Amino acid sequence: MMQTVERIIASVCSLHRESIGAAAFMIFGYVSLNLVLKWYFYERALTGKAQLETWKLQPKRTDNVKLAAHNWVPLFRRKPGVQPFHALICTTNLAVAASFAAFVTELNIRELGSLYSPPVKDFWVDLLQVFLVTFVMCIYETAGEYYFHRIFHLPFMYRNFHKLHHRYKAPSPFDDLYAHPVEVVLYYLILWGPAFWWPRVVPVRSFLLYMVIMGATGVIDHSGIRLGVPLLYTAEDHDKHHGLFNVNFGFPFAFMDMLHGTTAAAMQRQQQQQQEVASKENSEEDTKSKNGDLKGHRSKLKETDSRNLWRKSVSSVDSMSASKKKPAEQAVEDVYIQEEASKSEVLETSMSAASLQSTVEDEAVINRCASRNRSHDEG
């Protein structure tokens, strides 16, 4: 253990002054830029000199204005009213960034990296070279960071690492380094990657310009301030990522989000289209259900109508069959009816004659009895 510590101390002591200066410049530049933004916007907003609507990306989120306006530097004390260990995490990550600066500088002083300092032969040619190489490095960093960021939004990576960085939905100065140290180290491997591409291929001037752009945009992206370069860069993109979570993964430029359709506007259009499709499907299902009910009602009506029609047809068939009987059959029926009528008349006549005869006989019996009684009285 002691031998390891001694080796680290010996390595630090053997660093060139340029390497130590690069680390110090990294810390100074980071703290200074955050303090300037904090003072000019947040502290002046408390005194009424800066209206929130004119500069704040999320003007309704006023809770972090007073907190950001405190005289706070991550190296000294905890930021008031924020997540635990905020100062420790930010200070650790700032130290990691300074270490990368010192290591890359030392590596290239010893001619082991890809940086070199070409002599200036033609100012305009050299300037064009600086901008072209810087442009290539910015393209590389934006593309690499986009896929790196998407990976850290996978469930396992987000839950265990990236969620810490998303604790702040409306970030303010000094919030950009509030991230898991493992994620920070892996990202710095991408950020500082051009220093290790190939020996002696990247001009130092291009690399310095590239690091200034990346460092400044990293701070501004998490400042909550409406800043940017027209048609090239705006801090609103990454601020929306913190507010909406699943949009604008690219940093600092938006061309990767445009390529993959993950800009806030594209995602909003996609959600609207999904909602329209869902509403259309729901309306179609409602229409189908209504049509099904109507068809069922119509089928019931058809069954009722068919039954009534069948009954009517049966009765009509019976009447038609009765009306279409043959004359001979009708004559036979008439004769049969007449015979039955005559029989009933004869029966009625015989019954009346029998009753009349019985009445006459009864009267004769009564008369005989009366005559006998008279003769008996006379005798």
Protein backbone atom coordinates (compact mmCIF):
# COMPACT_ATOMS: atom_id res chain seq x y z
CA MET A 1 0.00 0.00 0.00
CA MET A 2 2.72 2.45 0.92
CA GLN A 3 4.63 1.61 -2.22
CA THR A 4 1.53 2.42 -4.33
CA VAL A 5 1.10 5.75 -2.58
CA GLU A 6 4.77 6.54 -3.07
CA ARG A 7 4.50 5.76 -6.77
CA ILE A 8 1.46 8.05 -7.12
CA ILE A 9 3.28 10.85 -5.32
CA ALA A 10 6.37 10.32 -7.47
CA SER A 11 4.25 10.39 -10.63
CA VAL A 12 2.55 13.63 -9.55
CA CYS A 13 5.88 15.21 -8.66
CA SER A 14 7.29 14.21 -12.02
CA LEU A 15 4.51 15.99 -13.89
CA HIS A 16 5.49 18.93 -15.99
CA ARG A 17 4.28 22.35 -15.00
CA GLU A 18 2.09 22.42 -18.12
CA SER A 19 0.18 19.37 -16.91
CA ILE A 20 -0.47 20.87 -13.48
CA GLY A 21 -1.42 24.13 -15.16
CA ALA A 22 -3.93 22.30 -17.40
CA ALA A 23 -5.60 20.75 -14.35
CA ALA A 24 -5.74 24.12 -12.56
CA PHE A 25 -7.10 25.83 -15.66
CA MET A 26 -9.81 23.18 -15.92
CA ILE A 27 -10.98 23.85 -12.34
CA PHE A 28 -10.70 27.62 -12.65
CA GLY A 29 -12.56 27.78 -15.95
CA TYR A 30 -15.39 25.55 -14.76
CA VAL A 31 -15.98 27.41 -11.48
CA SER A 32 -15.60 30.85 -13.09
CA LEU A 33 -18.13 30.21 -15.87
CA ASN A 34 -20.71 28.86 -13.41
CA LEU A 35 -20.20 31.79 -11.05
CA VAL A 36 -20.63 34.33 -13.87
CA LEU A 37 -23.86 32.71 -15.04
CA LYS A 38 -25.13 32.43 -11.49
CA TRP A 39 -24.41 36.08 -10.72
CA TYR A 40 -25.56 37.66 -13.97
CA PHE A 41 -28.85 35.82 -14.23
CA TYR A 42 -29.93 34.26 -10.92
CA GLU A 43 -28.66 36.83 -8.44
CA ARG A 44 -29.82 39.75 -10.60
CA ALA A 45 -33.24 38.08 -10.89
CA LEU A 46 -33.69 38.30 -7.13
CA THR A 47 -33.11 42.06 -7.26
CA GLY A 48 -35.47 42.53 -10.22
CA LYS A 49 -32.73 43.44 -12.68
CA ALA A 50 -33.29 40.34 -14.79
CA GLN A 51 -36.82 39.20 -15.64
CA LEU A 52 -37.25 35.42 -15.53
CA GLU A 53 -39.38 35.33 -18.69
CA THR A 54 -36.57 36.85 -20.74
CA TRP A 55 -33.82 34.37 -19.91
CA LYS A 56 -35.04 31.33 -17.91
CA LEU A 57 -35.85 28.21 -19.89
CA GLN A 58 -38.45 27.04 -17.38
CA PRO A 59 -39.82 30.32 -15.98
CA LYS A 60 -42.53 28.57 -13.96
CA ARG A 61 -39.87 26.71 -11.99
CA THR A 62 -38.86 29.52 -9.64
CA ASP A 63 -37.93 27.23 -6.77
CA ASN A 64 -34.31 26.91 -7.90
CA VAL A 65 -33.68 30.62 -8.51
CA LYS A 66 -33.07 31.53 -4.89
CA LEU A 67 -31.07 28.34 -4.29
CA ALA A 68 -28.82 28.94 -7.31
CA ALA A 69 -28.24 32.54 -6.24
CA HIS A 70 -26.48 31.47 -3.04
CA ASN A 71 -22.76 32.07 -2.88
CA TRP A 72 -21.86 28.45 -3.40
CA VAL A 73 -18.88 26.65 -4.87
CA PRO A 74 -18.80 22.84 -4.88
CA LEU A 75 -15.30 22.76 -3.43
CA PHE A 76 -16.29 24.42 -0.16
CA ARG A 77 -19.75 23.50 1.09
CA ARG A 78 -22.99 21.74 0.30
CA LYS A 79 -25.43 23.55 -1.96
CA PRO A 80 -28.43 24.63 0.15
CA GLY A 81 -31.72 22.78 -0.33
CA VAL A 82 -30.51 20.14 -2.80
CA GLN A 83 -29.73 16.44 -2.87
CA PRO A 84 -27.45 14.93 -0.22
CA PHE A 85 -23.77 14.56 -1.14
CA HIS A 86 -24.20 17.09 -3.94
CA ALA A 87 -20.99 18.94 -3.07
CA LEU A 88 -19.04 15.71 -2.63
CA ILE A 89 -20.17 14.26 -5.94
CA CYS A 90 -19.58 17.47 -7.90
CA THR A 91 -16.18 18.03 -6.33
CA THR A 92 -15.14 14.43 -7.05
CA ASN A 93 -16.17 14.70 -10.69
CA LEU A 94 -14.41 18.05 -11.04
CA ALA A 95 -11.25 16.42 -9.71
CA VAL A 96 -11.67 13.61 -12.24
CA ALA A 97 -11.95 16.19 -15.05
CA ALA A 98 -8.81 17.97 -13.84
CA SER A 99 -6.98 14.63 -13.68
CA PHE A 100 -7.90 13.88 -17.29
CA ALA A 101 -6.59 17.30 -18.31
CA ALA A 102 -3.30 16.73 -16.52
CA PHE A 103 -2.91 13.19 -17.88
CA VAL A 104 -3.60 14.15 -21.51
CA THR A 105 -1.23 17.10 -21.28
CA GLU A 106 1.53 15.01 -19.78
CA LEU A 107 1.01 12.25 -22.30
CA ASN A 108 1.38 14.61 -25.21
CA ILE A 109 4.35 16.44 -23.72
CA ARG A 110 6.09 13.10 -23.78
CA GLU A 111 4.92 12.64 -27.40
CA LEU A 112 2.81 9.57 -26.58
CA GLY A 113 -0.54 10.96 -27.67
CA SER A 114 -2.11 12.22 -30.88
CA LEU A 115 -1.60 15.95 -30.23
CA TYR A 116 1.16 17.95 -31.88
CA SER A 117 2.01 21.59 -32.52
CA PRO A 118 2.64 22.20 -36.23
CA PRO A 119 4.51 25.37 -37.20
CA VAL A 120 2.40 28.16 -38.66
CA LYS A 121 3.38 28.50 -42.32
CA ASP A 122 0.27 30.14 -43.71
CA PHE A 123 -2.16 31.77 -41.29
CA TRP A 124 -5.31 31.16 -43.31
CA VAL A 125 -4.40 27.59 -44.18
CA ASP A 126 -3.59 26.90 -40.55
CA LEU A 127 -6.86 28.52 -39.43
CA LEU A 128 -8.84 26.44 -41.91
CA GLN A 129 -7.11 23.30 -40.64
CA VAL A 130 -7.95 24.20 -37.04
CA PHE A 131 -11.64 24.64 -37.83
CA LEU A 132 -11.88 21.49 -39.96
CA VAL A 133 -10.26 19.27 -37.35
CA THR A 134 -12.38 20.87 -34.62
CA PHE A 135 -15.50 20.23 -36.69
CA VAL A 136 -14.57 16.55 -37.11
CA MET A 137 -13.98 16.17 -33.36
CA CYS A 138 -17.33 17.82 -32.56
CA ILE A 139 -19.07 15.41 -34.93
CA TYR A 140 -17.29 12.50 -33.29
CA GLU A 141 -18.18 13.62 -29.76
CA THR A 142 -21.84 14.31 -30.57
CA ALA A 143 -22.31 10.93 -32.24
CA GLY A 144 -20.44 9.00 -29.55
CA GLU A 145 -22.20 10.82 -26.72
CA TYR A 146 -25.62 10.21 -28.29
CA TYR A 147 -25.28 6.41 -28.30
CA PHE A 148 -23.54 6.49 -24.92
CA HIS A 149 -26.46 8.51 -23.53
CA ARG A 150 -29.05 6.16 -25.03
CA ILE A 151 -27.29 3.20 -23.40
CA PHE A 152 -27.46 4.91 -20.01
CA HIS A 153 -31.20 5.36 -20.46
CA LEU A 154 -31.68 1.59 -20.58
CA PRO A 155 -33.50 0.38 -17.43
CA PHE A 156 -30.50 -1.20 -15.67
CA MET A 157 -28.05 1.58 -16.51
CA TYR A 158 -30.53 4.32 -15.69
CA ARG A 159 -31.59 2.80 -12.39
CA ASN A 160 -28.04 2.21 -11.16
CA PHE A 161 -26.12 5.15 -12.68
CA HIS A 162 -27.87 7.79 -14.77
CA LYS A 163 -30.85 8.41 -12.49
CA LEU A 164 -28.63 10.45 -10.19
CA HIS A 165 -28.04 13.02 -12.93
CA HIS A 166 -31.78 13.32 -13.61
CA ARG A 167 -32.67 14.27 -10.04
CA TYR A 168 -32.85 17.88 -11.23
CA LYS A 169 -35.68 18.46 -13.72
CA ALA A 170 -34.76 22.15 -14.05
CA PRO A 171 -30.95 22.28 -13.67
CA SER A 172 -29.06 25.40 -12.63
CA PRO A 173 -25.33 26.32 -12.43
CA PHE A 174 -23.06 23.68 -10.86
CA ASP A 175 -25.62 20.91 -11.53
CA ASP A 176 -23.92 19.43 -14.60
CA LEU A 177 -21.35 17.50 -12.54
CA TYR A 178 -24.01 15.96 -10.32
CA ALA A 179 -23.68 12.51 -11.89
CA HIS A 180 -22.44 9.07 -10.98
CA PRO A 181 -18.60 9.00 -11.05
CA VAL A 182 -18.62 5.78 -13.09
CA GLU A 183 -20.72 7.46 -15.77
CA VAL A 184 -18.49 10.54 -15.67
CA VAL A 185 -15.29 8.53 -16.17
CA LEU A 186 -16.79 6.60 -19.09
CA TYR A 187 -18.03 9.81 -20.70
CA TYR A 188 -14.61 11.46 -20.29
CA LEU A 189 -13.09 8.58 -22.24
CA ILE A 190 -15.28 9.70 -25.15
CA LEU A 191 -14.75 13.41 -24.56
CA TRP A 192 -10.96 13.18 -24.35
CA GLY A 193 -10.79 10.45 -26.98
CA PRO A 194 -9.27 12.58 -29.78
CA ALA A 195 -6.09 12.87 -27.70
CA PHE A 196 -5.61 9.10 -28.17
CA TRP A 197 -6.71 8.58 -31.77
CA TRP A 198 -3.40 8.23 -33.53
CA PRO A 199 0.07 9.60 -32.80
CA ARG A 200 0.56 13.19 -33.92
CA VAL A 201 -2.61 13.72 -35.99
CA VAL A 202 -4.55 16.36 -33.99
CA PRO A 203 -3.20 19.92 -33.79
CA VAL A 204 -3.06 21.26 -30.24
CA ARG A 205 -4.90 24.41 -31.27
CA SER A 206 -7.80 22.37 -32.65
CA PHE A 207 -7.97 20.23 -29.51
CA LEU A 208 -7.99 23.28 -27.22
CA LEU A 209 -10.82 24.87 -29.23
CA TYR A 210 -12.72 21.60 -29.15
CA MET A 211 -12.39 21.33 -25.33
CA VAL A 212 -13.46 24.96 -24.85
CA ILE A 213 -16.60 24.31 -26.92
CA MET A 214 -17.43 21.10 -25.07
CA GLY A 215 -16.73 22.56 -21.65
CA ALA A 216 -18.74 25.75 -22.22
CA THR A 217 -21.73 23.98 -23.75
CA GLY A 218 -21.71 21.42 -20.94
CA VAL A 219 -22.05 24.18 -18.35
CA ILE A 220 -24.59 26.20 -20.37
CA ASP A 221 -26.73 23.13 -21.11
CA HIS A 222 -27.28 22.66 -17.36
CA SER A 223 -27.62 26.33 -16.44
CA GLY A 224 -31.34 26.73 -17.15
CA ILE A 225 -30.55 29.86 -19.16
CA ARG A 226 -31.74 30.58 -22.69
CA LEU A 227 -28.42 30.80 -24.52
CA GLY A 228 -27.17 29.51 -27.85
CA VAL A 229 -25.89 30.13 -31.34
CA PRO A 230 -28.60 30.51 -34.01
CA LEU A 231 -28.94 27.44 -36.29
CA LEU A 232 -26.09 25.66 -34.46
CA TYR A 233 -26.73 25.25 -30.78
CA THR A 234 -29.25 26.07 -28.05
CA ALA A 235 -29.30 25.17 -24.36
CA GLU A 236 -33.03 24.57 -24.60
CA ASP A 237 -32.46 21.16 -26.21
CA HIS A 238 -30.74 19.57 -23.22
CA ASP A 239 -32.95 21.43 -20.76
CA LYS A 240 -35.95 19.74 -22.38
CA HIS A 241 -34.18 16.43 -21.95
CA HIS A 242 -34.08 16.97 -18.19
CA GLY A 243 -37.70 18.09 -18.16
CA LEU A 244 -39.18 15.46 -20.51
CA PHE A 245 -36.63 12.63 -19.99
CA ASN A 246 -37.01 10.78 -23.32
CA VAL A 247 -36.13 13.47 -25.88
CA ASN A 248 -32.98 15.31 -27.08
CA PHE A 249 -30.28 12.79 -26.16
CA GLY A 250 -27.58 14.48 -28.24
CA PHE A 251 -24.97 16.82 -26.78
CA PRO A 252 -24.17 19.53 -27.59
CA PHE A 253 -25.59 19.53 -31.11
CA ALA A 254 -28.97 18.14 -32.21
CA PHE A 255 -28.15 16.50 -35.55
CA MET A 256 -28.14 12.98 -34.05
CA ASP A 257 -31.60 13.52 -32.60
CA MET A 258 -32.75 14.80 -35.98
CA LEU A 259 -31.27 11.71 -37.60
CA HIS A 260 -32.97 9.29 -35.20
CA GLY A 261 -36.21 11.24 -34.74
CA THR A 262 -35.72 11.84 -31.01
CA THR A 263 -36.04 15.62 -30.96
CA ALA A 264 -38.76 17.04 -28.72
CA ALA A 265 -40.78 18.16 -31.74
CA ALA A 266 -40.48 14.77 -33.48
CA MET A 267 -41.45 12.87 -30.33
CA GLN A 268 -44.43 15.17 -29.82
CA ARG A 269 -45.59 14.56 -33.40
CA GLN A 270 -45.14 10.83 -32.88
CA GLN A 271 -47.23 10.91 -29.70
CA GLN A 272 -49.94 12.91 -31.46
CA GLN A 273 -49.99 10.38 -34.30
CA GLN A 274 -50.24 7.52 -31.83
CA GLN A 275 -53.08 9.27 -30.03
CA GLU A 276 -54.85 9.88 -33.34
CA VAL A 277 -54.44 6.23 -34.33
CA ALA A 278 -55.68 5.09 -30.92
CA SER A 279 -58.69 7.41 -31.05
CA LYS A 280 -59.45 6.25 -34.60
CA GLU A 281 -59.30 2.60 -33.52
CA ASN A 282 -61.56 3.33 -30.57
CA SER A 283 -64.06 5.13 -32.79
CA GLU A 284 -63.99 2.22 -35.26
CA GLU A 285 -64.61 -0.25 -32.43
CA ASP A 286 -67.51 1.88 -31.16
CA THR A 287 -68.93 2.06 -34.69
CA LYS A 288 -68.59 -1.70 -35.09
CA SER A 289 -70.32 -2.33 -31.77
CA LYS A 290 -73.12 0.07 -32.69
CA ASN A 291 -73.47 -1.57 -36.10
CA GLY A 292 -73.55 -4.98 -34.41
CA ASP A 293 -76.34 -3.88 -32.09
CA LEU A 294 -78.23 -2.38 -35.02
CA LYS A 295 -77.80 -5.57 -37.03
CA GLY A 296 -79.09 -7.63 -34.10
CA HIS A 297 -82.11 -5.39 -33.76
CA ARG A 298 -82.73 -5.57 -37.47
CA SER A 299 -82.45 -9.37 -37.43
CA LYS A 300 -85.00 -9.56 -34.63
CA LEU A 301 -87.34 -7.33 -36.58
CA LYS A 302 -86.82 -9.50 -39.65
CA GLU A 303 -87.64 -12.65 -37.66
CA THR A 304 -90.83 -11.05 -36.31
CA ASP A 305 -91.81 -9.85 -39.74
CA SER A 306 -91.11 -13.26 -41.24
CA ARG A 307 -93.27 -14.95 -38.60
CA ASN A 308 -96.15 -12.56 -39.22
CA LEU A 309 -95.72 -12.99 -42.95
CA TRP A 310 -95.79 -16.77 -42.55
CA ARG A 311 -99.01 -16.60 -40.56
CA LYS A 312 -100.60 -14.31 -43.11
CA SER A 313 -99.50 -16.57 -45.93
CA VAL A 314 -100.95 -19.63 -44.19
CA SER A 315 -104.31 -17.92 -43.65
CA SER A 316 -104.33 -16.64 -47.21
CA VAL A 317 -103.50 -20.10 -48.50
CA ASP A 318 -106.39 -21.54 -46.49
CA SER A 319 -108.80 -18.94 -47.84
CA MET A 320 -107.53 -19.44 -51.35
CA SER A 321 -107.85 -23.20 -51.03
CA ALA A 322 -111.37 -22.78 -49.76
CA SER A 323 -112.30 -20.47 -52.59
CA LYS A 324 -110.70 -22.68 -55.20
CA LYS A 325 -112.68 -25.85 -54.38
CA LYS A 326 -114.22 -27.71 -57.31
CA PRO A 327 -117.97 -27.23 -58.08
CA ALA A 328 -118.70 -30.96 -57.71
CA GLU A 329 -117.23 -31.06 -54.24
CA GLN A 330 -119.19 -27.94 -53.34
CA ALA A 331 -122.43 -29.54 -54.67
CA VAL A 332 -121.84 -32.72 -52.64
CA GLU A 333 -121.35 -30.64 -49.54
CA ASP A 334 -124.59 -28.71 -50.28
CA VAL A 335 -126.59 -31.96 -50.76
CA TYR A 336 -125.15 -33.38 -47.53
CA ILE A 337 -126.14 -30.23 -45.67
CA GLN A 338 -129.68 -30.29 -47.14
CA GLU A 339 -130.13 -33.97 -46.22
CA GLU A 340 -129.03 -33.31 -42.66
CA ALA A 341 -131.45 -30.38 -42.49
CA SER A 342 -134.38 -32.48 -43.83
CA LYS A 343 -133.58 -35.25 -41.34
CA SER A 344 -133.66 -32.81 -38.52
CA GLU A 345 -137.02 -31.44 -39.77
CA VAL A 346 -138.57 -34.95 -40.02
CA LEU A 347 -137.30 -35.77 -36.54
CA GLU A 348 -138.79 -32.58 -35.16
CA THR A 349 -142.17 -33.32 -36.94
CA SER A 350 -142.33 -36.88 -35.58
CA MET A 351 -141.48 -35.66 -32.11
CA SER A 352 -144.25 -33.04 -32.27
CA ALA A 353 -146.79 -35.63 -33.58
CA ALA A 354 -145.91 -38.05 -30.81
CA SER A 355 -146.29 -35.36 -28.21
CA LEU A 356 -149.70 -34.34 -29.70
CA GLN A 357 -150.92 -37.97 -29.69
CA SER A 358 -149.89 -38.43 -26.09
CA THR A 359 -151.78 -35.27 -25.21
CA VAL A 360 -154.99 -36.52 -26.93
CA GLU A 361 -154.73 -39.88 -25.18
CA ASP A 362 -154.31 -38.18 -21.85
CA GLU A 363 -157.40 -36.05 -22.47
CA ALA A 364 -159.44 -39.20 -23.41
CA VAL A 365 -158.39 -40.91 -20.19
CA ILE A 366 -159.38 -37.87 -18.21
CA ASN A 367 -162.82 -37.71 -19.91
CA ARG A 368 -163.50 -41.40 -19.21
CA CYS A 369 -162.63 -40.94 -15.57
CA ALA A 370 -164.93 -37.94 -15.33
CA SER A 371 -167.90 -39.80 -16.94
CA ARG A 372 -167.49 -42.71 -14.48
CA ASN A 373 -167.59 -40.38 -11.57
CA ARG A 374 -170.81 -38.76 -12.79
CA SER A 375 -172.52 -42.15 -13.35
CA HIS A 376 -171.54 -43.25 -9.89
CA ASP A 377 -173.00 -40.14 -8.32
CA GLU A 378 -176.33 -40.59 -10.16
CA GLY A 379 -176.72 -44.19 -9.06
